[in-house]
Amino acid sequence: MPRVVVDVMPKPEILDPQGKAVLGALPRLGFSGVTDVRQGKRFELEVDGEVTEAVLADVHRMAETLLSNPVIEYFTVHVDETVVTA
């Protein structure tokens, strides 16, 4: 089944306390070189049939109305082309 991915992130002007907490923890765990962290959400939607422009438009509407808060977040929609083999 095809998979459409919606990535949701806080807008740049919005404070991100979770990202700041991760940023503060990294040096304590021995990691260096990271200057900023923003934490978001990822939704993977498996869809029936082919991913058409109409399907992508529906996913876009889902992201606007349910998956994100457009006041404080932005989102991107893309088709996951990853092929998993065992």
C-alpha atoms as a PDB file:
ATOM      1  CA  MET A   1       0.000   0.000   0.000  1.00  0.00           C
ATOM      2  CA  PRO A   2       1.271   3.475  -0.768  1.00  0.00           C
ATOM      3  CA  ARG A   3       2.205   5.654   2.175  1.00  0.00           C
ATOM      4  CA  VAL A   4       1.774   9.413   2.454  1.00  0.00           C
ATOM      5  CA  VAL A   5       3.761  11.174   5.175  1.00  0.00           C
ATOM      6  CA  VAL A   6       2.742  14.359   6.962  1.00  0.00           C
ATOM      7  CA  ASP A   7       5.511  16.045   8.953  1.00  0.00           C
ATOM      8  CA  VAL A   8       4.313  18.690  11.420  1.00  0.00           C
ATOM      9  CA  MET A   9       6.701  21.180  13.023  1.00  0.00           C
ATOM     10  CA  PRO A  10       6.279  24.226  15.246  1.00  0.00           C
ATOM     11  CA  LYS A  11       6.535  27.483  13.338  1.00  0.00           C
ATOM     12  CA  PRO A  12       9.957  29.141  13.755  1.00  0.00           C
ATOM     13  CA  GLU A  13       8.564  31.952  15.933  1.00  0.00           C
ATOM     14  CA  ILE A  14       6.966  29.478  18.372  1.00  0.00           C
ATOM     15  CA  LEU A  15       8.969  28.396  21.431  1.00  0.00           C
ATOM     16  CA  ASP A  16       9.776  24.684  21.481  1.00  0.00           C
ATOM     17  CA  PRO A  17      10.395  23.577  25.096  1.00  0.00           C
ATOM     18  CA  GLN A  18      10.703  19.906  24.138  1.00  0.00           C
ATOM     19  CA  GLY A  19      13.353  20.721  21.565  1.00  0.00           C
ATOM     20  CA  LYS A  20      15.213  22.873  24.108  1.00  0.00           C
ATOM     21  CA  ALA A  21      15.101  20.017  26.649  1.00  0.00           C
ATOM     22  CA  VAL A  22      16.610  17.627  24.100  1.00  0.00           C
ATOM     23  CA  LEU A  23      19.245  20.226  23.182  1.00  0.00           C
ATOM     24  CA  GLY A  24      20.184  20.577  26.857  1.00  0.00           C
ATOM     25  CA  ALA A  25      20.403  16.805  27.360  1.00  0.00           C
ATOM     26  CA  LEU A  26      22.676  16.081  24.412  1.00  0.00           C
ATOM     27  CA  PRO A  27      25.912  17.490  25.938  1.00  0.00           C
ATOM     28  CA  ARG A  28      25.184  15.704  29.225  1.00  0.00           C
ATOM     29  CA  LEU A  29      25.037  12.466  27.257  1.00  0.00           C
ATOM     30  CA  GLY A  30      28.340  13.165  25.531  1.00  0.00           C
ATOM     31  CA  PHE A  31      27.057  14.492  22.209  1.00  0.00           C
ATOM     32  CA  SER A  32      28.440  17.724  20.786  1.00  0.00           C
ATOM     33  CA  GLY A  33      28.074  19.856  17.694  1.00  0.00           C
ATOM     34  CA  VAL A  34      24.276  20.243  17.750  1.00  0.00           C
ATOM     35  CA  THR A  35      23.266  23.904  17.879  1.00  0.00           C
ATOM     36  CA  ASP A  36      19.462  23.629  17.862  1.00  0.00           C
ATOM     37  CA  VAL A  37      16.696  21.037  18.122  1.00  0.00           C
ATOM     38  CA  ARG A  38      13.071  21.389  17.054  1.00  0.00           C
ATOM     39  CA  GLN A  39      10.684  18.570  17.888  1.00  0.00           C
ATOM     40  CA  GLY A  40       7.681  17.792  15.724  1.00  0.00           C
ATOM     41  CA  LYS A  41       5.275  15.038  14.755  1.00  0.00           C
ATOM     42  CA  ARG A  42       5.230  12.564  11.867  1.00  0.00           C
ATOM     43  CA  PHE A  43       2.094  10.871  10.561  1.00  0.00           C
ATOM     44  CA  GLU A  44       2.316   7.963   8.114  1.00  0.00           C
ATOM     45  CA  LEU A  45      -0.947   7.353   6.275  1.00  0.00           C
ATOM     46  CA  GLU A  46      -1.366   4.182   4.231  1.00  0.00           C
ATOM     47  CA  VAL A  47      -3.856   4.763   1.441  1.00  0.00           C
ATOM     48  CA  ASP A  48      -5.849   2.461  -0.828  1.00  0.00           C
ATOM     49  CA  GLY A  49      -4.892   2.455  -4.479  1.00  0.00           C
ATOM     50  CA  GLU A  50      -2.750   4.977  -6.268  1.00  0.00           C
ATOM     51  CA  VAL A  51      -1.628   8.266  -4.764  1.00  0.00           C
ATOM     52  CA  THR A  52      -3.284  10.826  -6.999  1.00  0.00           C
ATOM     53  CA  GLU A  53      -3.523  14.599  -6.770  1.00  0.00           C
ATOM     54  CA  ALA A  54      -6.992  14.126  -5.249  1.00  0.00           C
ATOM     55  CA  VAL A  55      -5.584  11.825  -2.535  1.00  0.00           C
ATOM     56  CA  LEU A  56      -2.832  14.328  -1.758  1.00  0.00           C
ATOM     57  CA  ALA A  57      -5.411  17.123  -1.591  1.00  0.00           C
ATOM     58  CA  ASP A  58      -7.432  15.052   0.907  1.00  0.00           C
ATOM     59  CA  VAL A  59      -4.328  14.433   3.029  1.00  0.00           C
ATOM     60  CA  HIS A  60      -3.557  18.153   2.904  1.00  0.00           C
ATOM     61  CA  ARG A  61      -7.061  18.885   4.241  1.00  0.00           C
ATOM     62  CA  MET A  62      -6.572  16.234   6.956  1.00  0.00           C
ATOM     63  CA  ALA A  63      -3.345  17.925   7.996  1.00  0.00           C
ATOM     64  CA  GLU A  64      -5.016  21.351   8.098  1.00  0.00           C
ATOM     65  CA  THR A  65      -8.034  20.236  10.119  1.00  0.00           C
ATOM     66  CA  LEU A  66      -6.827  17.412  12.385  1.00  0.00           C
ATOM     67  CA  LEU A  67      -3.117  16.616  12.256  1.00  0.00           C
ATOM     68  CA  SER A  68      -1.762  20.115  12.875  1.00  0.00           C
ATOM     69  CA  ASN A  69      -2.647  23.370  14.562  1.00  0.00           C
ATOM     70  CA  PRO A  70      -2.142  25.898  11.736  1.00  0.00           C
ATOM     71  CA  VAL A  71      -1.852  28.772  14.220  1.00  0.00           C
ATOM     72  CA  ILE A  72       1.408  27.457  15.702  1.00  0.00           C
ATOM     73  CA  GLU A  73       2.525  24.674  13.320  1.00  0.00           C
ATOM     74  CA  TYR A  74       3.316  24.150   9.672  1.00  0.00           C
ATOM     75  CA  PHE A  75       3.289  20.854   7.814  1.00  0.00           C
ATOM     76  CA  THR A  76       4.617  19.154   4.710  1.00  0.00           C
ATOM     77  CA  VAL A  77       3.040  16.282   2.793  1.00  0.00           C
ATOM     78  CA  HIS A  78       4.996  13.823   0.676  1.00  0.00           C
ATOM     79  CA  VAL A  79       4.748  10.305  -0.682  1.00  0.00           C
ATOM     80  CA  ASP A  80       7.076   7.804   1.003  1.00  0.00           C
ATOM     81  CA  GLU A  81       8.927   6.009  -1.788  1.00  0.00           C
ATOM     82  CA  THR A  82      10.908   3.789   0.594  1.00  0.00           C
ATOM     83  CA  VAL A  83      10.928   0.135  -0.395  1.00  0.00           C
ATOM     84  CA  VAL A  84      11.427  -2.229   2.518  1.00  0.00           C
ATOM     85  CA  THR A  85      12.869  -5.640   1.775  1.00  0.00           C
ATOM     86  CA  ALA A  86      13.590  -8.428   4.225  1.00  0.00           C
END
